[in-house]
Amino acid sequence: MTVTNTGTASVTISEVQAGGPFTVSGFSGSTTLSANQSLPLGVTFEPAAGSSYSDSLTITSTAPSSPNTVALSGTGVAPPSGGSGGGSGSGAGATTPPICGITNNTTDIVPNATSWANFTPPAVGGTYTDAGGYCPVTRVTNFKGNSADAGCHYYATESPLDISDAYLMLYDCNSGGWFVDAGPTNSAYSIGTTILSESALSGKWSHDSEPTWDRTTPGMFWVTINNSIESCTVNNSAKSVSCSINHTFSEYAGYRISFMDETDMTPDGWLVTVGQNTQGGHIDVFMWNPATQTKSPVYTTQCSADINSSNNGCIHKLIATPNDGVVIQFEGSTNPENGNELWESPWAALSPIELNSGGTGAGGQGGTDHFDTGKNSSGIEVANFEDFLNNPGPWGACQDGWRPTTVAMPIAGDPECLFDNSTNNPGWHVSWRGYPNTQFVVYSAQANGSAAEKFNNASGYAAPSTSNWNVYDNEIIMILVGSNNNPGDIYRLALSHTRGNPGYFWSDPRAAEGYSGNYVVFDSNSAWGSAGCGSDGGGDCSDVYIIKVH
């Protein structure tokens, strides 16, 4: 819920309390709201038994109406059978729809031209809600106000939030350093408060070995340094971090190991890892389970490059799978290494997960579209793609040849339709980091540089209109896996207000789910919308925003 000061004078909130099985988050002490300022609060219902409950949320403040109360009620039910781990299919509540967003509406929603041009994001901790039924969006960072750098959450296939939603692993996309901010459930700090700065983390790992949150322990993340994997834990109160070596790989003593680019931990706790004993040689790809000290079989690539450099001409990215394997996306073609290839048990050989008539190699494989993995409601391992050009379709209720689809891994038959987008094919970023806690996958359009999505001061800028705005332009959308273009399964969460710099990575929202499935994080340069980035790195201006969806 959102508490707003609708008066003309400042109001100080001194206490927020919820009774019974209801708990409240987002309030960490005395908070003053100026006129029209808002405070987002989260209320969690955790029943201990299968019965009905009712209580209230009480807000005590200096407002004349204080105390203000909100009635709360809920019914506890026994959870359905089935595990919550990656190996046992979808967890309980996985098909629960988002709590907000526009649904049953696939029409072209064109923003009001004046509101679009004059949009100013709120201060850090504040929210905005676009007209028409979109979700409240909370601003997390303000790099324009604090420095000339840009803050990002990095990529759609990495969870920026830890398992407790208390910490945000963020990236300085100008200087290349990492830092940790308070997440939405961290009661000790306001959202966006820096807990671990770039300087505090300097030397813990190199730029190209990205930190990866642990799937089970709040505040724990994994890094590589030289030929060792280390676990690091955030000390919330001291704003410090402690690290210890989990394992040293003697087989790579000649050079190093790395998590490389755009990968994450599997739901069962396996880390996608690459190793190299000779710098610039052939790259080994394997899985490592730090809890059991278990290493999977190794795939040695036929191409060679330096693993200390992401996007290195051999491997572009590595996407973890729920069957505790990895999809290797190859940069080039060294037949049979083409495009997106699956490497997992029984570890017999690479298996393509995408076929593309425009590709190279055996069978025309070679597609490298964006995707993310999970298991559908039937327990089948699948990849959700931005598009899949195995054949021109149509598939199910989708008519367009370029549309988001779901494909079994390895390929088994034609893909399934997710949603049709025949009027606009911008290319999409895809995130299913909330699997197995949600069967909803998040799509966000890549910046396409259309006239209405340029900075207001750009020479080619044109206000949004029906002639230059397409369905789902600039939107963060959430779709139920297996929806087959059902409008009731499509939730339009928010406008990102991102202004396009065609071909520039940091201008994309790259919306990402957190592991819990409760939040979606995205980037936006909306704070610069009316004037452009100016001298800020030639265009790499960005801030981080968050949406509560469950």
Protein backbone atom coordinates (compact mmCIF):
# COMPACT_ATOMS: atom_id res chain seq x y z
CA MET A 1 0.00 0.00 0.00
CA THR A 2 1.03 3.64 -0.37
CA VAL A 3 0.62 6.31 2.32
CA THR A 4 0.33 9.83 0.87
CA ASN A 5 0.32 13.20 2.57
CA THR A 6 -2.62 14.88 0.84
CA GLY A 7 -2.36 18.06 2.90
CA THR A 8 -0.35 21.22 2.42
CA ALA A 9 1.92 20.92 5.48
CA SER A 10 4.55 18.31 6.38
CA VAL A 11 3.46 15.28 8.41
CA THR A 12 5.74 13.13 10.58
CA ILE A 13 4.89 9.43 10.90
CA SER A 14 6.09 8.08 14.24
CA GLU A 15 4.73 4.52 14.22
CA VAL A 16 3.34 1.92 11.81
CA GLN A 17 1.99 -1.30 13.30
CA ALA A 18 0.11 -4.35 12.03
CA GLY A 19 -1.50 -6.94 14.29
CA GLY A 20 -2.06 -10.69 14.23
CA PRO A 21 -0.41 -12.65 11.38
CA PHE A 22 0.18 -9.43 9.44
CA THR A 23 3.60 -7.74 9.36
CA VAL A 24 4.55 -4.44 7.79
CA SER A 25 7.76 -3.45 5.99
CA GLY A 26 9.01 -0.20 4.50
CA PHE A 27 8.95 1.87 7.72
CA SER A 28 12.18 2.02 9.72
CA GLY A 29 11.54 4.87 12.12
CA SER A 30 10.32 8.46 12.23
CA THR A 31 9.56 9.57 8.67
CA THR A 32 8.48 13.03 7.52
CA LEU A 33 6.39 13.41 4.38
CA SER A 34 6.14 16.80 2.72
CA ALA A 35 2.97 17.81 0.89
CA ASN A 36 2.02 15.21 -1.78
CA GLN A 37 4.96 12.95 -0.82
CA SER A 38 4.29 9.21 -0.48
CA LEU A 39 5.68 6.31 1.54
CA PRO A 40 5.34 2.77 0.11
CA LEU A 41 4.58 0.06 2.69
CA GLY A 42 4.45 -3.70 2.29
CA VAL A 43 2.06 -5.83 4.31
CA THR A 44 2.72 -9.56 4.56
CA PHE A 45 0.13 -12.14 5.64
CA GLU A 46 1.67 -15.27 7.19
CA PRO A 47 -1.09 -17.42 8.71
CA ALA A 48 -0.17 -20.21 11.06
CA ALA A 49 -3.29 -22.28 10.38
CA GLY A 50 -6.01 -22.82 7.82
CA SER A 51 -8.53 -20.30 9.16
CA SER A 52 -9.72 -16.73 8.68
CA TYR A 53 -7.99 -13.75 10.29
CA SER A 54 -8.80 -10.06 10.63
CA ASP A 55 -6.83 -7.23 12.19
CA SER A 56 -5.73 -3.72 11.33
CA LEU A 57 -2.79 -1.61 10.26
CA THR A 58 -2.37 1.55 12.36
CA ILE A 59 -0.41 4.63 11.29
CA THR A 60 0.39 7.17 14.01
CA SER A 61 1.47 10.63 12.86
CA THR A 62 1.11 14.36 13.37
CA ALA A 63 -1.78 14.46 10.89
CA PRO A 64 -5.10 15.70 12.36
CA SER A 65 -6.70 12.38 11.37
CA SER A 66 -4.16 10.29 13.32
CA PRO A 67 -4.29 7.46 14.12
CA ASN A 68 -5.27 6.23 10.66
CA THR A 69 -6.27 2.59 10.37
CA VAL A 70 -6.66 0.13 7.54
CA ALA A 71 -8.66 -3.08 7.97
CA LEU A 72 -6.76 -6.26 7.16
CA SER A 73 -8.18 -9.73 6.52
CA GLY A 74 -7.00 -13.00 5.06
CA THR A 75 -7.69 -16.71 4.96
CA GLY A 76 -5.00 -19.29 5.54
CA VAL A 77 -5.14 -22.48 3.48
CA ALA A 78 -2.98 -25.59 3.42
CA PRO A 79 -0.37 -25.29 0.62
CA PRO A 80 -0.64 -27.69 -2.32
CA SER A 81 1.77 -30.59 -2.39
CA GLY A 82 5.00 -30.22 -4.33
CA GLY A 83 8.48 -28.92 -3.62
CA SER A 84 9.86 -25.45 -4.04
CA GLY A 85 13.27 -26.45 -5.39
CA GLY A 86 14.29 -26.33 -9.03
CA GLY A 87 14.37 -30.11 -9.37
CA SER A 88 10.77 -30.67 -8.31
CA GLY A 89 8.77 -28.34 -10.51
CA SER A 90 6.93 -25.17 -9.64
CA GLY A 91 6.50 -24.10 -6.03
CA ALA A 92 3.21 -23.41 -4.26
CA GLY A 93 1.57 -20.21 -5.41
CA ALA A 94 3.59 -20.12 -8.62
CA THR A 95 0.58 -19.16 -10.74
CA THR A 96 -0.60 -16.40 -8.38
CA PRO A 97 -1.06 -13.32 -10.59
CA PRO A 98 0.63 -9.97 -9.90
CA ILE A 99 -1.10 -7.70 -7.39
CA CYS A 100 -1.14 -4.80 -9.84
CA GLY A 101 -0.95 -3.91 -13.50
CA ILE A 102 -3.24 -3.56 -16.49
CA THR A 103 -4.65 -6.89 -17.65
CA ASN A 104 -7.21 -8.02 -20.24
CA ASN A 105 -6.05 -5.12 -22.39
CA THR A 106 -3.78 -5.58 -25.40
CA THR A 107 -4.65 -2.29 -27.08
CA ASP A 108 -2.13 0.44 -27.87
CA ILE A 109 -1.97 2.65 -24.76
CA VAL A 110 -0.33 5.90 -25.90
CA PRO A 111 0.99 8.11 -23.05
CA ASN A 112 -0.34 11.62 -22.73
CA ALA A 113 2.12 13.72 -24.73
CA THR A 114 2.40 16.50 -22.16
CA SER A 115 2.77 14.12 -19.22
CA TRP A 116 5.35 12.09 -21.12
CA ALA A 117 7.50 15.10 -21.98
CA ASN A 118 7.25 16.62 -18.51
CA PHE A 119 7.64 13.43 -16.48
CA THR A 120 9.92 13.87 -13.47
CA PRO A 121 10.68 10.78 -11.36
CA PRO A 122 10.26 11.00 -7.59
CA ALA A 123 13.10 11.26 -5.10
CA VAL A 124 14.73 8.05 -3.88
CA GLY A 125 12.17 6.10 -1.86
CA GLY A 126 9.27 7.87 -3.55
CA THR A 127 6.86 6.29 -6.02
CA TYR A 128 5.18 7.12 -9.29
CA THR A 129 2.14 5.43 -10.80
CA ASP A 130 1.31 5.99 -14.45
CA ALA A 131 -2.31 6.70 -15.31
CA GLY A 132 -4.56 3.90 -16.47
CA GLY A 133 -4.00 1.21 -13.84
CA TYR A 134 -0.26 0.57 -13.89
CA CYS A 135 1.70 -0.48 -10.75
CA PRO A 136 3.34 1.87 -8.25
CA VAL A 137 7.07 2.19 -9.03
CA THR A 138 9.65 3.08 -6.37
CA ARG A 139 12.87 4.86 -7.19
CA VAL A 140 15.98 3.23 -5.69
CA THR A 141 18.96 5.36 -6.80
CA ASN A 142 19.67 8.93 -7.81
CA PHE A 143 22.99 9.02 -9.61
CA LYS A 144 22.19 12.24 -11.38
CA GLY A 145 21.93 13.93 -8.02
CA ASN A 146 24.95 12.22 -6.47
CA SER A 147 27.55 11.89 -9.20
CA ALA A 148 28.17 11.80 -12.92
CA ASP A 149 28.06 8.01 -12.95
CA ALA A 150 25.19 5.68 -13.73
CA GLY A 151 23.72 2.96 -11.51
CA CYS A 152 22.29 -0.22 -12.98
CA HIS A 153 21.23 -3.68 -11.88
CA TYR A 154 23.22 -5.12 -14.79
CA TYR A 155 21.20 -7.84 -16.55
CA ALA A 156 17.81 -9.56 -16.82
CA THR A 157 19.13 -13.09 -16.21
CA GLU A 158 20.77 -12.18 -12.88
CA SER A 159 18.70 -11.53 -9.77
CA PRO A 160 19.61 -8.09 -8.40
CA LEU A 161 17.84 -9.01 -5.13
CA ASP A 162 19.01 -11.58 -2.60
CA ILE A 163 16.63 -14.33 -1.48
CA SER A 164 15.21 -12.16 1.33
CA ASP A 165 14.68 -9.05 -0.85
CA ALA A 166 16.69 -7.12 1.76
CA TYR A 167 19.70 -6.36 -0.45
CA LEU A 168 20.19 -5.06 -3.98
CA MET A 169 23.41 -5.90 -5.82
CA LEU A 170 23.91 -2.94 -8.15
CA TYR A 171 26.49 -1.95 -10.72
CA ASP A 172 28.10 1.37 -11.53
CA CYS A 173 27.68 1.12 -15.29
CA ASN A 174 30.04 4.03 -15.85
CA SER A 175 33.05 3.03 -13.77
CA GLY A 176 32.40 -0.72 -13.63
CA GLY A 177 32.28 -1.22 -9.87
CA TRP A 178 29.74 -3.08 -7.73
CA PHE A 179 27.90 -1.97 -4.60
CA VAL A 180 25.09 -3.22 -2.33
CA ASP A 181 22.05 -1.11 -1.45
CA ALA A 182 19.21 -1.82 0.96
CA GLY A 183 16.31 -3.68 -0.63
CA PRO A 184 12.57 -3.27 -0.03
CA THR A 185 12.39 -5.57 3.02
CA ASN A 186 15.43 -4.23 4.88
CA SER A 187 13.85 -2.71 8.00
CA ALA A 188 17.12 -1.16 9.17
CA TYR A 189 17.46 1.25 6.24
CA SER A 190 15.40 3.13 3.70
CA ILE A 191 15.39 1.55 0.27
CA GLY A 192 18.43 2.61 -1.74
CA THR A 193 20.67 3.25 1.27
CA THR A 194 24.19 2.14 0.34
CA ILE A 195 25.35 -0.65 2.64
CA LEU A 196 28.50 -1.71 0.77
CA SER A 197 30.10 0.95 -1.41
CA GLU A 198 32.29 0.39 -4.44
CA SER A 199 35.35 1.21 -2.36
CA ALA A 200 34.30 -1.29 0.33
CA LEU A 201 34.14 -4.01 -2.31
CA SER A 202 37.20 -3.01 -4.31
CA GLY A 203 39.69 -5.84 -4.61
CA LYS A 204 37.14 -8.51 -3.70
CA TRP A 205 36.85 -9.56 -7.32
CA SER A 206 37.59 -8.36 -10.81
CA HIS A 207 35.10 -6.50 -12.98
CA ASP A 208 34.51 -9.49 -15.26
CA SER A 209 33.78 -11.97 -12.49
CA GLU A 210 30.32 -10.88 -11.47
CA PRO A 211 29.02 -11.45 -7.94
CA THR A 212 26.15 -13.93 -7.66
CA TRP A 213 23.61 -14.03 -4.82
CA ASP A 214 23.17 -17.27 -2.91
CA ARG A 215 19.75 -18.90 -3.36
CA THR A 216 19.16 -19.83 0.29
CA THR A 217 21.13 -17.59 2.67
CA PRO A 218 20.07 -13.92 2.98
CA GLY A 219 22.89 -11.47 2.36
CA MET A 220 25.32 -14.11 1.05
CA PHE A 221 26.89 -13.89 -2.40
CA TRP A 222 29.58 -15.70 -4.37
CA VAL A 223 32.62 -14.34 -6.18
CA THR A 224 35.75 -15.68 -7.84
CA ILE A 225 39.28 -14.48 -7.24
CA ASN A 226 42.17 -16.06 -9.16
CA ASN A 227 41.43 -19.81 -9.15
CA SER A 228 39.19 -19.82 -6.03
CA ILE A 229 35.49 -19.39 -5.30
CA GLU A 230 34.67 -17.31 -2.24
CA SER A 231 31.50 -16.82 -0.24
CA CYS A 232 30.85 -13.31 1.07
CA THR A 233 28.29 -12.23 3.67
CA VAL A 234 26.92 -8.73 4.23
CA ASN A 235 27.03 -7.41 7.81
CA ASN A 236 23.92 -5.26 7.80
CA SER A 237 24.54 -3.21 10.93
CA ALA A 238 28.28 -2.67 10.41
CA LYS A 239 27.95 -2.02 6.68
CA SER A 240 30.82 -4.39 6.02
CA VAL A 241 31.47 -7.67 4.22
CA SER A 242 33.40 -10.80 5.21
CA CYS A 243 34.61 -13.37 2.66
CA SER A 244 36.10 -16.85 2.90
CA ILE A 245 37.38 -19.33 0.34
CA ASN A 246 34.93 -22.13 -0.47
CA HIS A 247 37.18 -24.04 -2.88
CA THR A 248 40.44 -23.58 -4.78
CA PHE A 249 40.64 -25.28 -8.19
CA SER A 250 44.20 -26.52 -8.50
CA GLU A 251 43.51 -27.59 -12.09
CA TYR A 252 43.36 -23.89 -13.00
CA ALA A 253 46.37 -22.75 -10.98
CA GLY A 254 47.97 -21.54 -14.21
CA TYR A 255 45.40 -18.79 -14.64
CA ARG A 256 41.93 -18.44 -13.09
CA ILE A 257 38.22 -19.27 -12.90
CA SER A 258 35.30 -16.89 -13.40
CA PHE A 259 31.50 -16.62 -13.42
CA MET A 260 31.94 -14.50 -16.53
CA ASP A 261 28.85 -12.86 -17.97
CA GLU A 262 25.09 -12.68 -17.31
CA THR A 263 24.71 -15.88 -15.28
CA ASP A 264 23.18 -16.82 -11.94
CA MET A 265 22.96 -19.64 -9.39
CA THR A 266 20.52 -22.47 -10.17
CA PRO A 267 17.53 -23.00 -7.82
CA ASP A 268 19.32 -26.08 -6.43
CA GLY A 269 22.48 -24.12 -5.60
CA TRP A 270 24.86 -24.78 -8.50
CA LEU A 271 27.15 -22.04 -9.85
CA VAL A 272 27.93 -21.74 -13.56
CA THR A 273 31.71 -21.49 -13.75
CA VAL A 274 34.41 -21.26 -16.41
CA GLY A 275 38.04 -22.21 -15.93
CA GLN A 276 41.25 -21.66 -17.84
CA ASN A 277 44.73 -22.93 -17.00
CA THR A 278 46.39 -20.96 -19.79
CA GLN A 279 45.31 -17.39 -20.40
CA GLY A 280 43.64 -17.09 -23.80
CA GLY A 281 43.37 -20.85 -24.33
CA HIS A 282 40.31 -23.05 -24.71
CA ILE A 283 37.63 -22.36 -22.09
CA ASP A 284 36.26 -25.02 -19.74
CA VAL A 285 32.59 -24.69 -18.72
CA PHE A 286 31.29 -26.57 -15.67
CA MET A 287 28.90 -26.41 -12.71
CA TRP A 288 30.03 -26.17 -9.09
CA ASN A 289 27.92 -26.91 -6.01
CA PRO A 290 29.58 -25.04 -3.11
CA ALA A 291 27.41 -26.76 -0.47
CA THR A 292 28.37 -30.30 -1.49
CA GLN A 293 31.79 -29.44 -3.02
CA THR A 294 30.71 -31.18 -6.21
CA LYS A 295 31.94 -30.42 -9.72
CA SER A 296 30.00 -31.45 -12.81
CA PRO A 297 31.59 -32.88 -15.96
CA VAL A 298 33.49 -30.28 -17.98
CA TYR A 299 32.78 -29.04 -21.49
CA THR A 300 35.93 -27.71 -23.17
CA THR A 301 35.10 -25.26 -25.93
CA GLN A 302 36.68 -25.49 -29.35
CA CYS A 303 37.06 -21.72 -29.45
CA SER A 304 39.58 -19.83 -27.34
CA ALA A 305 39.63 -16.45 -25.58
CA ASP A 306 40.56 -14.79 -22.28
CA ILE A 307 37.95 -15.62 -19.59
CA ASN A 308 38.89 -12.43 -17.76
CA SER A 309 36.98 -10.57 -20.45
CA SER A 310 33.22 -10.91 -20.92
CA ASN A 311 31.83 -11.02 -24.47
CA ASN A 312 35.24 -12.27 -25.48
CA GLY A 313 34.60 -13.59 -28.98
CA CYS A 314 34.17 -17.18 -27.80
CA ILE A 315 31.36 -17.13 -25.20
CA HIS A 316 28.85 -14.30 -25.07
CA LYS A 317 26.84 -15.40 -22.04
CA LEU A 318 26.04 -18.36 -19.76
CA ILE A 319 22.46 -18.95 -18.58
CA ALA A 320 21.85 -21.34 -15.64
CA THR A 321 19.11 -23.96 -16.06
CA PRO A 322 16.78 -25.52 -13.44
CA ASN A 323 18.20 -28.97 -14.26
CA ASP A 324 21.50 -27.69 -12.82
CA GLY A 325 23.14 -27.15 -16.18
CA VAL A 326 23.94 -24.23 -18.42
CA VAL A 327 23.05 -22.81 -21.81
CA ILE A 328 26.25 -21.60 -23.46
CA GLN A 329 25.73 -18.80 -25.96
CA PHE A 330 28.62 -18.87 -28.40
CA GLU A 331 29.77 -15.67 -30.06
CA GLY A 332 30.84 -17.28 -33.30
CA SER A 333 30.62 -20.63 -35.05
CA THR A 334 33.13 -23.44 -34.61
CA ASN A 335 30.68 -26.19 -35.64
CA PRO A 336 29.04 -27.70 -33.62
CA GLU A 337 29.35 -24.66 -31.33
CA ASN A 338 26.64 -22.36 -32.69
CA GLY A 339 24.34 -19.99 -30.86
CA ASN A 340 22.53 -21.22 -27.73
CA GLU A 341 23.68 -24.72 -26.75
CA LEU A 342 22.52 -26.74 -23.71
CA TRP A 343 25.09 -28.50 -21.48
CA GLU A 344 23.57 -30.55 -18.64
CA SER A 345 23.06 -34.12 -17.40
CA PRO A 346 23.64 -36.70 -18.88
CA TRP A 347 26.48 -34.49 -20.24
CA ALA A 348 26.70 -36.47 -23.47
CA ALA A 349 26.99 -33.58 -25.94
CA LEU A 350 25.81 -30.06 -26.59
CA SER A 351 22.13 -29.75 -27.56
CA PRO A 352 20.81 -26.71 -29.44
CA ILE A 353 17.86 -24.91 -27.86
CA GLU A 354 17.28 -22.56 -30.77
CA LEU A 355 17.22 -23.08 -34.52
CA ASN A 356 17.52 -20.13 -36.86
CA SER A 357 17.54 -20.31 -40.62
CA GLY A 358 19.84 -17.30 -40.63
CA GLY A 359 22.40 -19.09 -38.49
CA THR A 360 25.36 -21.23 -39.39
CA GLY A 361 26.43 -24.77 -38.74
CA ALA A 362 24.61 -28.09 -38.76
CA GLY A 363 20.84 -27.81 -39.06
CA GLY A 364 20.94 -24.06 -39.47
CA GLN A 365 21.39 -23.54 -35.76
CA GLY A 366 23.02 -20.38 -34.57
CA GLY A 367 20.25 -18.28 -33.06
CA THR A 368 21.33 -16.10 -30.15
CA ASP A 369 18.08 -14.46 -29.07
CA HIS A 370 17.52 -13.33 -25.49
CA PHE A 371 15.87 -15.92 -23.22
CA ASP A 372 15.61 -17.23 -19.65
CA THR A 373 14.92 -20.71 -18.31
CA GLY A 374 12.67 -22.51 -15.82
CA LYS A 375 10.14 -25.33 -15.72
CA ASN A 376 6.55 -24.97 -16.83
CA SER A 377 3.56 -26.09 -14.77
CA SER A 378 4.04 -29.64 -16.12
CA GLY A 379 7.62 -29.77 -14.83
CA ILE A 380 9.17 -29.56 -18.32
CA GLU A 381 12.37 -27.53 -18.59
CA VAL A 382 11.75 -24.67 -21.02
CA ALA A 383 13.29 -21.45 -22.31
CA ASN A 384 11.23 -18.31 -22.79
CA PHE A 385 12.52 -16.44 -25.84
CA GLU A 386 12.22 -12.92 -27.18
CA ASP A 387 11.46 -14.60 -30.52
CA PHE A 388 12.15 -17.96 -32.11
CA LEU A 389 12.56 -18.25 -35.88
CA ASN A 390 12.50 -22.00 -36.34
CA ASN A 391 9.69 -21.49 -38.85
CA PRO A 392 7.32 -18.63 -39.71
CA GLY A 393 4.38 -19.98 -37.70
CA PRO A 394 1.69 -19.16 -36.80
CA TRP A 395 1.83 -20.97 -33.46
CA GLY A 396 -1.40 -21.26 -31.49
CA ALA A 397 -2.99 -17.88 -30.92
CA CYS A 398 0.14 -16.01 -32.05
CA GLN A 399 0.17 -14.94 -35.69
CA ASP A 400 3.32 -12.87 -35.97
CA GLY A 401 6.63 -14.43 -36.94
CA TRP A 402 8.53 -12.41 -34.34
CA ARG A 403 6.91 -12.94 -30.96
CA PRO A 404 7.84 -14.17 -27.50
CA THR A 405 7.62 -17.93 -27.27
CA THR A 406 8.32 -20.86 -24.92
CA VAL A 407 10.51 -23.71 -26.15
CA ALA A 408 11.28 -27.09 -24.55
CA MET A 409 14.96 -27.76 -23.78
CA PRO A 410 16.35 -29.48 -25.72
CA ILE A 411 14.07 -28.68 -28.64
CA ALA A 412 11.02 -30.93 -28.85
CA GLY A 413 8.51 -29.79 -31.47
CA ASP A 414 7.46 -26.26 -32.27
CA PRO A 415 7.51 -23.58 -29.60
CA GLU A 416 4.44 -22.44 -27.69
CA CYS A 417 2.98 -18.97 -28.04
CA LEU A 418 3.39 -16.53 -25.15
CA PHE A 419 2.07 -13.24 -26.52
CA ASP A 420 1.67 -11.71 -29.95
CA ASN A 421 3.21 -8.37 -30.75
CA SER A 422 2.67 -8.05 -34.45
CA THR A 423 2.82 -4.25 -34.58
CA ASN A 424 6.09 -3.84 -32.74
CA ASN A 425 9.17 -6.04 -32.69
CA PRO A 426 11.72 -4.11 -30.68
CA GLY A 427 13.65 -7.07 -29.33
CA TRP A 428 13.10 -8.01 -25.70
CA HIS A 429 15.01 -8.65 -22.51
CA VAL A 430 13.63 -11.69 -20.68
CA SER A 431 13.76 -12.59 -16.98
CA TRP A 432 12.45 -15.64 -15.10
CA ARG A 433 14.67 -15.31 -12.04
CA GLY A 434 11.61 -15.85 -9.83
CA TYR A 435 11.30 -19.50 -10.87
CA PRO A 436 10.25 -21.74 -9.09
CA ASN A 437 8.32 -19.24 -6.96
CA THR A 438 6.44 -17.83 -9.94
CA GLN A 439 5.27 -19.04 -13.34
CA PHE A 440 5.22 -15.43 -14.56
CA VAL A 441 8.07 -14.25 -16.76
CA VAL A 442 9.02 -10.60 -17.30
CA TYR A 443 9.61 -8.95 -20.67
CA SER A 444 10.95 -5.45 -21.28
CA ALA A 445 11.56 -3.91 -24.68
CA GLN A 446 15.02 -2.96 -25.82
CA ALA A 447 15.44 0.75 -26.51
CA ASN A 448 14.54 1.22 -30.16
CA GLY A 449 15.24 4.91 -30.62
CA SER A 450 11.82 5.79 -32.05
CA ALA A 451 11.02 9.49 -32.20
CA ALA A 452 8.83 9.45 -29.09
CA GLU A 453 11.44 7.56 -27.09
CA LYS A 454 14.29 9.97 -27.70
CA PHE A 455 15.38 12.54 -25.17
CA ASN A 456 13.12 15.58 -25.30
CA ASN A 457 15.96 17.82 -26.38
CA ALA A 458 16.98 15.56 -29.27
CA SER A 459 16.52 17.02 -32.73
CA GLY A 460 14.37 14.10 -33.86
CA TYR A 461 12.11 13.99 -30.79
CA ALA A 462 8.35 13.77 -31.41
CA ALA A 463 5.63 13.55 -28.78
CA PRO A 464 3.93 10.13 -28.40
CA SER A 465 1.01 9.61 -30.76
CA THR A 466 -0.87 6.73 -32.37
CA SER A 467 1.40 7.06 -35.39
CA ASN A 468 4.70 6.52 -33.55
CA TRP A 469 3.71 4.48 -30.46
CA ASN A 470 3.13 0.72 -30.60
CA VAL A 471 1.59 -1.79 -28.20
CA TYR A 472 3.89 -2.45 -25.21
CA ASP A 473 6.32 0.33 -26.15
CA ASN A 474 8.41 1.33 -23.11
CA GLU A 475 6.47 -1.05 -20.83
CA ILE A 476 7.50 -3.66 -18.29
CA ILE A 477 5.16 -6.61 -18.83
CA MET A 478 4.63 -9.90 -16.99
CA ILE A 479 3.16 -12.98 -18.71
CA LEU A 480 2.07 -16.38 -17.39
CA VAL A 481 4.13 -19.15 -18.99
CA GLY A 482 1.79 -21.14 -21.26
CA SER A 483 -0.61 -18.23 -21.70
CA ASN A 484 -1.01 -18.71 -25.48
CA ASN A 485 -1.73 -15.00 -25.95
CA ASN A 486 -4.56 -14.95 -23.42
CA PRO A 487 -5.07 -11.25 -22.52
CA GLY A 488 -6.01 -12.29 -18.97
CA ASP A 489 -2.50 -13.72 -18.47
CA ILE A 490 -0.71 -10.54 -19.60
CA TYR A 491 -0.02 -7.86 -16.97
CA ARG A 492 1.30 -4.48 -18.07
CA LEU A 493 3.17 -3.37 -14.95
CA ALA A 494 4.60 0.07 -15.68
CA LEU A 495 6.11 2.49 -18.13
CA SER A 496 9.86 2.63 -17.64
CA HIS A 497 10.07 6.12 -19.19
CA THR A 498 13.41 5.07 -20.66
CA ARG A 499 14.68 7.21 -23.52
CA GLY A 500 16.30 5.26 -26.30
CA ASN A 501 19.92 5.36 -27.39
CA PRO A 502 19.80 2.79 -30.22
CA GLY A 503 22.32 0.04 -29.72
CA TYR A 504 23.41 1.29 -26.31
CA PHE A 505 23.07 -1.39 -23.64
CA TRP A 506 22.56 0.81 -20.59
CA SER A 507 19.58 2.61 -22.10
CA ASP A 508 17.50 -0.61 -21.91
CA PRO A 509 15.30 -1.31 -18.84
CA ARG A 510 16.55 -4.94 -18.67
CA ALA A 511 13.78 -5.71 -16.16
CA ALA A 512 14.72 -8.58 -13.81
CA GLU A 513 12.73 -10.64 -11.32
CA GLY A 514 14.10 -11.27 -7.83
CA TYR A 515 14.40 -14.88 -6.63
CA SER A 516 11.30 -14.57 -4.45
CA GLY A 517 9.19 -13.51 -7.41
CA ASN A 518 7.84 -10.62 -5.31
CA TYR A 519 9.67 -7.76 -7.02
CA VAL A 520 10.76 -6.63 -10.47
CA VAL A 521 13.79 -4.33 -10.81
CA PHE A 522 14.51 -2.25 -13.90
CA ASP A 523 16.69 0.63 -15.08
CA SER A 524 15.52 3.96 -16.46
CA ASN A 525 17.16 7.19 -17.58
CA SER A 526 13.90 9.11 -17.05
CA ALA A 527 15.62 11.58 -14.71
CA TRP A 528 17.41 12.88 -17.80
CA GLY A 529 14.37 12.70 -20.10
CA SER A 530 13.83 16.40 -20.77
CA ALA A 531 17.47 17.36 -21.31
CA GLY A 532 19.40 14.21 -22.24
CA CYS A 533 22.52 12.87 -20.58
CA GLY A 534 24.67 15.83 -21.43
CA SER A 535 28.31 15.17 -20.64
CA ASP A 536 27.49 12.10 -18.53
CA GLY A 537 29.58 9.47 -20.29
CA GLY A 538 28.09 10.21 -23.70
CA GLY A 539 24.78 8.55 -22.89
CA ASP A 540 25.25 6.08 -20.05
CA CYS A 541 22.86 7.76 -17.62
CA SER A 542 20.61 5.43 -15.67
CA ASP A 543 18.91 4.81 -12.32
CA VAL A 544 17.31 1.78 -10.67
CA TYR A 545 13.57 1.36 -9.98
CA ILE A 546 11.53 -1.42 -8.37
CA ILE A 547 7.96 -2.77 -8.57
CA LYS A 548 6.25 -5.00 -6.00
CA VAL A 549 4.24 -7.65 -7.86
CA HIS A 550 3.49 -10.27 -5.18
